[in-house]
Amino acid sequence: MSNRPHPNALIWLLVSVAIIALDQWSKAWVLSSLPEYQPIPVIEGFWNWYRTYNTGAAFSFLSDAGGWQKYLFTALAVVISGVIAYWLARTPRRDWRTALPFSLVVGGALGNVVDRLIHGHVIDFIQWYWRDFYWPAFNIADSAIVGGAAAIILFGLFQRKPASDVRTGAGE
């Protein structure tokens, strides 16, 4: 048996880098191509491109707080990303059910941090709606955060428990 430690899951942070790159590329496209506050139909009756800005967090939480929230949300994202990176350092590389969702959350959180630091707000541009109900506009970083969080919850709910060994009581 080898005493070498198993490689950790920090390599999964490359997924985070890819999310940040895709998010920033998409926002550069939005800034160069879409008018502000004007819906551009993608799928009529369901999906628009809609360039808008969010100085708050999800669902515009604290968006009218006067500016200090930019620093709060930036600090929270950096601290949470650091904690997740620490967890990834302690997670086996092969444990994709942990590593992938965590990497999505980090990429999304840091993608929005880049916006806050460069622009002072987050650029949103995906608008879904049905009749008179409009879901708040969002972006690729937001999608990565939600997808990662959903996967953390789902994989946590359906995680296999270790089989107990009747002879030794292990696994209980």
N, C-alpha and C. Protein backbone atom coordinates (compact mmCIF):
# COMPACT_ATOMS: atom_id res chain seq x y z
N MET A 1 0.84 -1.17 0.00
CA MET A 1 0.00 0.00 0.00
C MET A 1 0.89 1.24 0.00
N SER A 2 0.51 2.26 -0.76
CA SER A 2 1.30 3.48 -0.87
C SER A 2 0.94 4.47 0.23
N ASN A 3 1.94 5.17 0.73
CA ASN A 3 1.70 6.20 1.73
C ASN A 3 1.54 7.58 1.11
N ARG A 4 1.59 7.64 -0.23
CA ARG A 4 1.44 8.92 -0.90
C ARG A 4 0.03 9.46 -0.67
N PRO A 5 -0.09 10.75 -0.39
CA PRO A 5 -1.44 11.31 -0.23
C PRO A 5 -2.14 11.36 -1.60
N HIS A 6 -3.45 11.25 -1.57
CA HIS A 6 -4.23 11.37 -2.80
C HIS A 6 -4.23 12.83 -3.23
N PRO A 7 -4.21 13.07 -4.54
CA PRO A 7 -4.23 14.46 -5.00
C PRO A 7 -5.54 15.14 -4.57
N ASN A 8 -5.42 16.41 -4.23
CA ASN A 8 -6.61 17.13 -3.78
C ASN A 8 -7.36 17.71 -4.98
N ALA A 9 -8.49 18.35 -4.69
CA ALA A 9 -9.40 18.83 -5.74
C ALA A 9 -9.15 20.27 -6.15
N LEU A 10 -8.02 20.85 -5.76
CA LEU A 10 -7.76 22.23 -6.16
C LEU A 10 -7.72 22.42 -7.67
N ILE A 11 -7.36 21.37 -8.42
CA ILE A 11 -7.33 21.46 -9.88
C ILE A 11 -8.71 21.82 -10.43
N TRP A 12 -9.76 21.50 -9.69
CA TRP A 12 -11.12 21.83 -10.10
C TRP A 12 -11.34 23.34 -10.16
N LEU A 13 -10.47 24.12 -9.55
CA LEU A 13 -10.60 25.58 -9.64
C LEU A 13 -10.39 26.07 -11.08
N LEU A 14 -9.86 25.21 -11.95
CA LEU A 14 -9.80 25.56 -13.37
C LEU A 14 -11.22 25.74 -13.94
N VAL A 15 -12.18 25.01 -13.40
CA VAL A 15 -13.58 25.23 -13.79
C VAL A 15 -13.99 26.65 -13.39
N SER A 16 -13.57 27.08 -12.20
CA SER A 16 -13.87 28.45 -11.74
C SER A 16 -13.27 29.47 -12.70
N VAL A 17 -12.04 29.24 -13.12
CA VAL A 17 -11.38 30.16 -14.06
C VAL A 17 -12.16 30.21 -15.37
N ALA A 18 -12.62 29.07 -15.85
CA ALA A 18 -13.41 29.03 -17.09
C ALA A 18 -14.72 29.80 -16.93
N ILE A 19 -15.37 29.66 -15.79
CA ILE A 19 -16.62 30.39 -15.53
C ILE A 19 -16.35 31.89 -15.52
N ILE A 20 -15.30 32.31 -14.83
CA ILE A 20 -14.95 33.74 -14.78
C ILE A 20 -14.69 34.27 -16.19
N ALA A 21 -13.92 33.52 -16.98
CA ALA A 21 -13.60 33.96 -18.34
C ALA A 21 -14.86 34.06 -19.21
N LEU A 22 -15.71 33.05 -19.18
CA LEU A 22 -16.94 33.07 -19.96
C LEU A 22 -17.86 34.20 -19.49
N ASP A 23 -17.96 34.38 -18.19
CA ASP A 23 -18.80 35.44 -17.63
C ASP A 23 -18.30 36.82 -18.08
N GLN A 24 -17.00 37.06 -17.96
CA GLN A 24 -16.46 38.36 -18.34
C GLN A 24 -16.53 38.59 -19.85
N TRP A 25 -16.31 37.54 -20.63
CA TRP A 25 -16.46 37.66 -22.07
C TRP A 25 -17.89 38.05 -22.43
N SER A 26 -18.87 37.37 -21.80
CA SER A 26 -20.28 37.66 -22.11
C SER A 26 -20.64 39.09 -21.72
N LYS A 27 -20.10 39.56 -20.61
CA LYS A 27 -20.42 40.93 -20.17
C LYS A 27 -19.74 41.97 -21.06
N ALA A 28 -18.57 41.67 -21.57
CA ALA A 28 -17.93 42.57 -22.53
C ALA A 28 -18.78 42.66 -23.80
N TRP A 29 -19.31 41.52 -24.24
CA TRP A 29 -20.21 41.52 -25.39
C TRP A 29 -21.45 42.37 -25.10
N VAL A 30 -22.03 42.19 -23.91
CA VAL A 30 -23.21 42.96 -23.53
C VAL A 30 -22.92 44.46 -23.58
N LEU A 31 -21.81 44.86 -22.98
CA LEU A 31 -21.47 46.29 -22.93
C LEU A 31 -21.22 46.88 -24.32
N SER A 32 -20.72 46.06 -25.24
CA SER A 32 -20.41 46.57 -26.58
C SER A 32 -21.58 46.42 -27.56
N SER A 33 -22.57 45.59 -27.22
CA SER A 33 -23.59 45.25 -28.22
C SER A 33 -25.04 45.53 -27.84
N LEU A 34 -25.36 45.54 -26.57
CA LEU A 34 -26.76 45.68 -26.18
C LEU A 34 -27.06 47.08 -25.65
N PRO A 35 -28.19 47.65 -26.05
CA PRO A 35 -28.59 48.93 -25.47
C PRO A 35 -29.03 48.73 -24.02
N GLU A 36 -28.95 49.79 -23.24
CA GLU A 36 -29.39 49.71 -21.84
C GLU A 36 -30.92 49.67 -21.75
N TYR A 37 -31.40 48.83 -20.88
CA TYR A 37 -32.81 48.81 -20.47
C TYR A 37 -33.79 48.65 -21.63
N GLN A 38 -33.39 47.97 -22.68
CA GLN A 38 -34.28 47.71 -23.81
C GLN A 38 -34.29 46.22 -24.10
N PRO A 39 -35.45 45.58 -23.99
CA PRO A 39 -35.49 44.14 -24.26
C PRO A 39 -35.23 43.82 -25.72
N ILE A 40 -34.39 42.83 -25.94
CA ILE A 40 -34.10 42.30 -27.28
C ILE A 40 -34.56 40.84 -27.26
N PRO A 41 -35.67 40.51 -27.92
CA PRO A 41 -36.20 39.14 -27.85
C PRO A 41 -35.21 38.10 -28.40
N VAL A 42 -35.05 37.03 -27.64
CA VAL A 42 -34.29 35.86 -28.08
C VAL A 42 -35.29 34.76 -28.41
N ILE A 43 -36.19 34.48 -27.49
CA ILE A 43 -37.32 33.58 -27.71
C ILE A 43 -38.56 34.36 -27.29
N GLU A 44 -39.33 34.76 -28.26
CA GLU A 44 -40.52 35.60 -28.01
C GLU A 44 -41.43 34.97 -26.96
N GLY A 45 -41.82 35.76 -25.99
CA GLY A 45 -42.71 35.29 -24.94
C GLY A 45 -42.02 34.58 -23.79
N PHE A 46 -40.66 34.52 -23.82
CA PHE A 46 -39.97 33.77 -22.76
C PHE A 46 -38.62 34.38 -22.38
N TRP A 47 -37.81 34.82 -23.36
CA TRP A 47 -36.42 35.16 -23.08
C TRP A 47 -36.00 36.39 -23.87
N ASN A 48 -35.46 37.38 -23.14
CA ASN A 48 -34.89 38.58 -23.76
C ASN A 48 -33.45 38.74 -23.33
N TRP A 49 -32.67 39.41 -24.19
CA TRP A 49 -31.43 40.03 -23.72
C TRP A 49 -31.90 41.37 -23.16
N TYR A 50 -31.42 41.72 -21.99
CA TYR A 50 -31.87 42.96 -21.36
C TYR A 50 -30.74 43.48 -20.48
N ARG A 51 -30.01 44.45 -21.00
CA ARG A 51 -28.85 45.00 -20.26
C ARG A 51 -29.32 45.88 -19.11
N THR A 52 -28.94 45.46 -17.92
CA THR A 52 -29.27 46.21 -16.71
C THR A 52 -28.13 46.03 -15.72
N TYR A 53 -28.22 46.72 -14.60
CA TYR A 53 -27.14 46.70 -13.62
C TYR A 53 -27.71 46.44 -12.24
N ASN A 54 -26.93 45.76 -11.41
CA ASN A 54 -27.36 45.45 -10.05
C ASN A 54 -26.25 45.86 -9.09
N THR A 55 -26.54 46.81 -8.22
CA THR A 55 -25.56 47.22 -7.21
C THR A 55 -25.70 46.39 -5.94
N GLY A 56 -26.72 45.52 -5.91
CA GLY A 56 -26.93 44.69 -4.73
C GLY A 56 -26.49 43.26 -4.99
N ALA A 57 -27.21 42.35 -4.34
CA ALA A 57 -26.94 40.92 -4.49
C ALA A 57 -28.14 40.30 -5.20
N ALA A 58 -28.36 39.01 -4.98
CA ALA A 58 -29.47 38.31 -5.64
C ALA A 58 -30.78 39.05 -5.42
N PHE A 59 -31.56 39.12 -6.49
CA PHE A 59 -32.87 39.79 -6.47
C PHE A 59 -32.74 41.25 -6.04
N SER A 60 -31.61 41.87 -6.34
CA SER A 60 -31.32 43.28 -6.04
C SER A 60 -31.32 43.58 -4.54
N PHE A 61 -31.04 42.58 -3.73
CA PHE A 61 -30.97 42.77 -2.28
C PHE A 61 -29.96 43.86 -1.95
N LEU A 62 -30.36 44.86 -1.21
CA LEU A 62 -29.55 46.01 -0.79
C LEU A 62 -29.07 46.88 -1.96
N SER A 63 -29.75 46.82 -3.09
CA SER A 63 -29.28 47.57 -4.25
C SER A 63 -29.35 49.08 -4.06
N ASP A 64 -30.18 49.54 -3.17
CA ASP A 64 -30.29 50.99 -2.95
C ASP A 64 -29.71 51.40 -1.59
N ALA A 65 -28.70 50.69 -1.14
CA ALA A 65 -28.12 50.92 0.20
C ALA A 65 -27.09 52.04 0.23
N GLY A 66 -26.76 52.63 -0.90
CA GLY A 66 -25.88 53.79 -0.88
C GLY A 66 -24.43 53.53 -1.27
N GLY A 67 -24.05 52.32 -1.59
CA GLY A 67 -22.71 52.05 -2.07
C GLY A 67 -21.85 51.16 -1.19
N TRP A 68 -22.07 51.17 0.11
CA TRP A 68 -21.26 50.35 1.01
C TRP A 68 -21.44 48.86 0.74
N GLN A 69 -22.59 48.47 0.18
CA GLN A 69 -22.88 47.05 -0.07
C GLN A 69 -21.91 46.44 -1.07
N LYS A 70 -21.34 47.27 -1.95
CA LYS A 70 -20.34 46.75 -2.91
C LYS A 70 -19.18 46.10 -2.16
N TYR A 71 -18.74 46.75 -1.12
CA TYR A 71 -17.61 46.22 -0.33
C TYR A 71 -18.02 45.00 0.48
N LEU A 72 -19.23 45.03 1.02
CA LEU A 72 -19.73 43.89 1.78
C LEU A 72 -19.82 42.65 0.89
N PHE A 73 -20.45 42.78 -0.28
CA PHE A 73 -20.62 41.62 -1.16
C PHE A 73 -19.30 41.15 -1.75
N THR A 74 -18.38 42.08 -1.99
CA THR A 74 -17.05 41.71 -2.47
C THR A 74 -16.32 40.91 -1.40
N ALA A 75 -16.34 41.42 -0.16
CA ALA A 75 -15.66 40.72 0.94
C ALA A 75 -16.28 39.35 1.18
N LEU A 76 -17.61 39.27 1.18
CA LEU A 76 -18.28 37.98 1.37
C LEU A 76 -17.86 36.98 0.30
N ALA A 77 -17.85 37.42 -0.95
CA ALA A 77 -17.49 36.51 -2.05
C ALA A 77 -16.06 36.03 -1.92
N VAL A 78 -15.15 36.93 -1.55
CA VAL A 78 -13.75 36.55 -1.41
C VAL A 78 -13.57 35.57 -0.24
N VAL A 79 -14.21 35.86 0.89
CA VAL A 79 -14.09 34.97 2.06
C VAL A 79 -14.71 33.61 1.76
N ILE A 80 -15.90 33.59 1.18
CA ILE A 80 -16.54 32.31 0.86
C ILE A 80 -15.70 31.53 -0.15
N SER A 81 -15.16 32.20 -1.15
CA SER A 81 -14.30 31.52 -2.13
C SER A 81 -13.05 30.96 -1.47
N GLY A 82 -12.49 31.68 -0.53
CA GLY A 82 -11.32 31.19 0.21
C GLY A 82 -11.65 29.96 1.04
N VAL A 83 -12.80 29.98 1.71
CA VAL A 83 -13.23 28.82 2.50
C VAL A 83 -13.45 27.61 1.59
N ILE A 84 -14.09 27.84 0.46
CA ILE A 84 -14.32 26.74 -0.48
C ILE A 84 -13.00 26.20 -1.02
N ALA A 85 -12.05 27.08 -1.32
CA ALA A 85 -10.73 26.62 -1.80
C ALA A 85 -10.06 25.77 -0.72
N TYR A 86 -10.18 26.16 0.53
CA TYR A 86 -9.63 25.36 1.64
C TYR A 86 -10.29 23.97 1.65
N TRP A 87 -11.62 23.94 1.49
CA TRP A 87 -12.32 22.65 1.46
C TRP A 87 -11.86 21.81 0.27
N LEU A 88 -11.66 22.45 -0.88
CA LEU A 88 -11.19 21.71 -2.05
C LEU A 88 -9.79 21.13 -1.81
N ALA A 89 -8.97 21.85 -1.07
CA ALA A 89 -7.63 21.34 -0.74
C ALA A 89 -7.71 20.09 0.12
N ARG A 90 -8.81 19.92 0.82
CA ARG A 90 -9.00 18.75 1.69
C ARG A 90 -9.93 17.70 1.06
N THR A 91 -10.32 17.93 -0.17
CA THR A 91 -11.24 17.03 -0.88
C THR A 91 -10.44 16.21 -1.89
N PRO A 92 -10.68 14.91 -1.98
CA PRO A 92 -10.00 14.11 -3.00
C PRO A 92 -10.39 14.58 -4.41
N ARG A 93 -9.43 14.61 -5.30
CA ARG A 93 -9.64 15.09 -6.67
C ARG A 93 -10.77 14.32 -7.37
N ARG A 94 -10.89 13.06 -7.11
CA ARG A 94 -11.89 12.23 -7.79
C ARG A 94 -13.32 12.50 -7.31
N ASP A 95 -13.48 13.24 -6.22
CA ASP A 95 -14.81 13.52 -5.66
C ASP A 95 -15.47 14.68 -6.40
N TRP A 96 -15.88 14.43 -7.64
CA TRP A 96 -16.43 15.48 -8.49
C TRP A 96 -17.76 16.00 -7.98
N ARG A 97 -18.49 15.19 -7.21
CA ARG A 97 -19.79 15.65 -6.69
C ARG A 97 -19.62 16.77 -5.66
N THR A 98 -18.46 16.86 -5.08
CA THR A 98 -18.13 17.97 -4.19
C THR A 98 -17.39 19.05 -4.95
N ALA A 99 -16.39 18.66 -5.71
CA ALA A 99 -15.49 19.62 -6.35
C ALA A 99 -16.17 20.46 -7.43
N LEU A 100 -16.96 19.85 -8.28
CA LEU A 100 -17.60 20.61 -9.36
C LEU A 100 -18.56 21.68 -8.84
N PRO A 101 -19.49 21.34 -7.95
CA PRO A 101 -20.39 22.39 -7.45
C PRO A 101 -19.64 23.52 -6.72
N PHE A 102 -18.65 23.16 -5.92
CA PHE A 102 -17.88 24.19 -5.22
C PHE A 102 -17.17 25.10 -6.23
N SER A 103 -16.62 24.51 -7.28
CA SER A 103 -15.91 25.29 -8.30
C SER A 103 -16.86 26.22 -9.05
N LEU A 104 -18.08 25.77 -9.30
CA LEU A 104 -19.07 26.64 -9.95
C LEU A 104 -19.40 27.85 -9.07
N VAL A 105 -19.57 27.62 -7.78
CA VAL A 105 -19.88 28.72 -6.86
C VAL A 105 -18.73 29.72 -6.82
N VAL A 106 -17.51 29.23 -6.72
CA VAL A 106 -16.35 30.13 -6.69
C VAL A 106 -16.26 30.94 -7.97
N GLY A 107 -16.39 30.29 -9.12
CA GLY A 107 -16.31 31.00 -10.39
C GLY A 107 -17.38 32.07 -10.52
N GLY A 108 -18.60 31.74 -10.14
CA GLY A 108 -19.69 32.71 -10.20
C GLY A 108 -19.48 33.87 -9.24
N ALA A 109 -19.10 33.55 -8.02
CA ALA A 109 -18.89 34.60 -7.02
C ALA A 109 -17.78 35.56 -7.45
N LEU A 110 -16.68 35.01 -7.94
CA LEU A 110 -15.56 35.87 -8.34
C LEU A 110 -15.83 36.60 -9.66
N GLY A 111 -16.63 36.01 -10.53
CA GLY A 111 -17.03 36.70 -11.75
C GLY A 111 -17.79 37.98 -11.43
N ASN A 112 -18.68 37.92 -10.45
CA ASN A 112 -19.42 39.12 -10.05
C ASN A 112 -18.54 40.08 -9.27
N VAL A 113 -17.54 39.57 -8.54
CA VAL A 113 -16.59 40.46 -7.84
C VAL A 113 -15.84 41.31 -8.87
N VAL A 114 -15.42 40.69 -9.97
CA VAL A 114 -14.72 41.45 -11.01
C VAL A 114 -15.59 42.63 -11.45
N ASP A 115 -16.87 42.38 -11.69
CA ASP A 115 -17.78 43.47 -12.07
C ASP A 115 -17.83 44.57 -11.02
N ARG A 116 -17.99 44.17 -9.78
CA ARG A 116 -18.10 45.17 -8.70
C ARG A 116 -16.84 46.03 -8.62
N LEU A 117 -15.68 45.40 -8.77
CA LEU A 117 -14.43 46.14 -8.66
C LEU A 117 -14.18 47.03 -9.88
N ILE A 118 -14.55 46.58 -11.06
CA ILE A 118 -14.31 47.36 -12.28
C ILE A 118 -15.41 48.40 -12.53
N HIS A 119 -16.66 47.99 -12.38
CA HIS A 119 -17.79 48.84 -12.76
C HIS A 119 -18.55 49.45 -11.58
N GLY A 120 -18.38 48.88 -10.39
CA GLY A 120 -19.14 49.35 -9.23
C GLY A 120 -20.50 48.69 -9.11
N HIS A 121 -20.82 47.79 -10.02
CA HIS A 121 -22.08 47.06 -10.03
C HIS A 121 -21.91 45.80 -10.87
N VAL A 122 -22.90 44.93 -10.81
CA VAL A 122 -22.88 43.70 -11.60
C VAL A 122 -23.72 43.93 -12.86
N ILE A 123 -23.21 43.46 -13.98
CA ILE A 123 -23.92 43.57 -15.25
C ILE A 123 -24.79 42.33 -15.42
N ASP A 124 -26.09 42.55 -15.57
CA ASP A 124 -27.04 41.47 -15.82
C ASP A 124 -27.62 41.65 -17.21
N PHE A 125 -27.99 40.53 -17.85
CA PHE A 125 -28.47 40.67 -19.23
C PHE A 125 -29.40 39.55 -19.69
N ILE A 126 -29.64 38.55 -18.89
CA ILE A 126 -30.55 37.47 -19.27
C ILE A 126 -31.86 37.71 -18.54
N GLN A 127 -32.92 37.85 -19.31
CA GLN A 127 -34.24 38.12 -18.72
C GLN A 127 -35.21 37.05 -19.18
N TRP A 128 -35.74 36.30 -18.24
CA TRP A 128 -36.78 35.31 -18.54
C TRP A 128 -38.11 35.85 -18.06
N TYR A 129 -39.16 35.56 -18.81
CA TYR A 129 -40.48 36.04 -18.41
C TYR A 129 -41.57 35.14 -18.96
N TRP A 130 -42.71 35.23 -18.36
CA TRP A 130 -43.89 34.52 -18.82
C TRP A 130 -45.07 35.44 -18.59
N ARG A 131 -45.69 35.85 -19.67
CA ARG A 131 -46.79 36.80 -19.63
C ARG A 131 -46.37 38.06 -18.89
N ASP A 132 -46.96 38.34 -17.72
CA ASP A 132 -46.62 39.56 -16.98
C ASP A 132 -45.62 39.32 -15.86
N PHE A 133 -45.10 38.09 -15.73
CA PHE A 133 -44.12 37.79 -14.68
C PHE A 133 -42.71 37.81 -15.26
N TYR A 134 -41.89 38.69 -14.73
CA TYR A 134 -40.51 38.80 -15.18
C TYR A 134 -39.57 38.36 -14.06
N TRP A 135 -38.79 37.32 -14.32
CA TRP A 135 -37.77 36.88 -13.37
C TRP A 135 -36.69 37.95 -13.36
N PRO A 136 -36.10 38.25 -12.21
CA PRO A 136 -35.03 39.26 -12.21
C PRO A 136 -33.90 38.90 -13.17
N ALA A 137 -33.40 39.89 -13.88
CA ALA A 137 -32.32 39.67 -14.84
C ALA A 137 -31.10 39.09 -14.12
N PHE A 138 -30.34 38.27 -14.84
CA PHE A 138 -29.17 37.61 -14.25
C PHE A 138 -28.09 37.47 -15.30
N ASN A 139 -27.00 36.79 -14.95
CA ASN A 139 -25.87 36.63 -15.85
C ASN A 139 -25.29 35.22 -15.70
N ILE A 140 -24.20 34.95 -16.39
CA ILE A 140 -23.59 33.62 -16.35
C ILE A 140 -23.03 33.30 -14.96
N ALA A 141 -22.43 34.30 -14.31
CA ALA A 141 -21.91 34.08 -12.96
C ALA A 141 -23.04 33.68 -12.01
N ASP A 142 -24.17 34.37 -12.09
CA ASP A 142 -25.31 34.03 -11.25
C ASP A 142 -25.78 32.60 -11.52
N SER A 143 -25.79 32.22 -12.80
CA SER A 143 -26.20 30.87 -13.17
C SER A 143 -25.26 29.82 -12.57
N ALA A 144 -23.96 30.11 -12.57
CA ALA A 144 -22.99 29.18 -11.99
C ALA A 144 -23.20 29.04 -10.48
N ILE A 145 -23.47 30.16 -9.80
CA ILE A 145 -23.71 30.12 -8.36
C ILE A 145 -24.95 29.28 -8.06
N VAL A 146 -26.04 29.54 -8.77
CA VAL A 146 -27.29 28.80 -8.52
C VAL A 146 -27.11 27.32 -8.87
N GLY A 147 -26.48 27.03 -10.01
CA GLY A 147 -26.25 25.63 -10.38
C GLY A 147 -25.37 24.91 -9.37
N GLY A 148 -24.31 25.58 -8.93
CA GLY A 148 -23.43 24.98 -7.92
C GLY A 148 -24.14 24.75 -6.60
N ALA A 149 -24.90 25.74 -6.15
CA ALA A 149 -25.63 25.60 -4.89
C ALA A 149 -26.68 24.49 -4.98
N ALA A 150 -27.39 24.42 -6.10
CA ALA A 150 -28.38 23.35 -6.29
C ALA A 150 -27.71 21.98 -6.26
N ALA A 151 -26.56 21.86 -6.92
CA ALA A 151 -25.84 20.58 -6.93
C ALA A 151 -25.34 20.21 -5.54
N ILE A 152 -24.87 21.20 -4.77
CA ILE A 152 -24.44 20.93 -3.39
C ILE A 152 -25.60 20.35 -2.60
N ILE A 153 -26.77 20.95 -2.74
CA ILE A 153 -27.96 20.48 -2.01
C ILE A 153 -28.37 19.10 -2.50
N LEU A 154 -28.49 18.93 -3.82
CA LEU A 154 -28.94 17.64 -4.36
C LEU A 154 -27.97 16.51 -4.03
N PHE A 155 -26.68 16.75 -4.26
CA PHE A 155 -25.71 15.70 -3.96
C PHE A 155 -25.66 15.43 -2.46
N GLY A 156 -25.90 16.44 -1.65
CA GLY A 156 -25.94 16.24 -0.20
C GLY A 156 -27.14 15.40 0.22
N LEU A 157 -28.28 15.64 -0.43
CA LEU A 157 -29.49 14.88 -0.09
C LEU A 157 -29.38 13.42 -0.50
N PHE A 158 -28.73 13.19 -1.63
CA PHE A 158 -28.67 11.83 -2.18
C PHE A 158 -27.31 11.17 -2.00
N GLN A 159 -26.52 11.71 -1.09
CA GLN A 159 -25.19 11.15 -0.83
C GLN A 159 -25.35 9.77 -0.22
N ARG A 160 -24.54 8.85 -0.73
CA ARG A 160 -24.56 7.49 -0.18
C ARG A 160 -23.89 7.48 1.18
N LYS A 161 -24.54 6.85 2.09
CA LYS A 161 -23.95 6.66 3.42
C LYS A 161 -23.09 5.40 3.36
N PRO A 162 -21.96 5.40 4.09
CA PRO A 162 -21.13 4.19 4.08
C PRO A 162 -21.91 3.00 4.63
N ALA A 163 -21.74 1.85 4.00
CA ALA A 163 -22.41 0.65 4.46
C ALA A 163 -21.86 0.25 5.81
N SER A 164 -22.74 -0.12 6.70
CA SER A 164 -22.24 -0.52 8.03
C SER A 164 -21.77 -1.96 7.99
N ASP A 165 -20.75 -2.23 8.76
CA ASP A 165 -20.19 -3.57 8.87
C ASP A 165 -20.75 -4.18 10.14
N VAL A 166 -21.60 -5.20 9.98
CA VAL A 166 -22.28 -5.81 11.12
C VAL A 166 -21.28 -6.38 12.14
N ARG A 167 -20.16 -6.91 11.66
CA ARG A 167 -19.21 -7.55 12.56
C ARG A 167 -18.48 -6.52 13.43
N THR A 168 -18.16 -5.35 12.85
CA THR A 168 -17.34 -4.40 13.62
C THR A 168 -18.12 -3.16 14.06
N GLY A 169 -19.31 -3.00 13.50
CA GLY A 169 -20.08 -1.81 13.82
C GLY A 169 -19.61 -0.57 13.06
N ALA A 170 -18.69 -0.76 12.12
CA ALA A 170 -18.16 0.38 11.35
C ALA A 170 -19.27 0.96 10.48
N GLY A 171 -19.20 2.26 10.31
CA GLY A 171 -20.15 2.94 9.46
C GLY A 171 -21.37 3.43 10.21
N GLU A 172 -21.45 3.19 11.50
CA GLU A 172 -22.60 3.65 12.27
C GLU A 172 -22.27 4.92 12.98
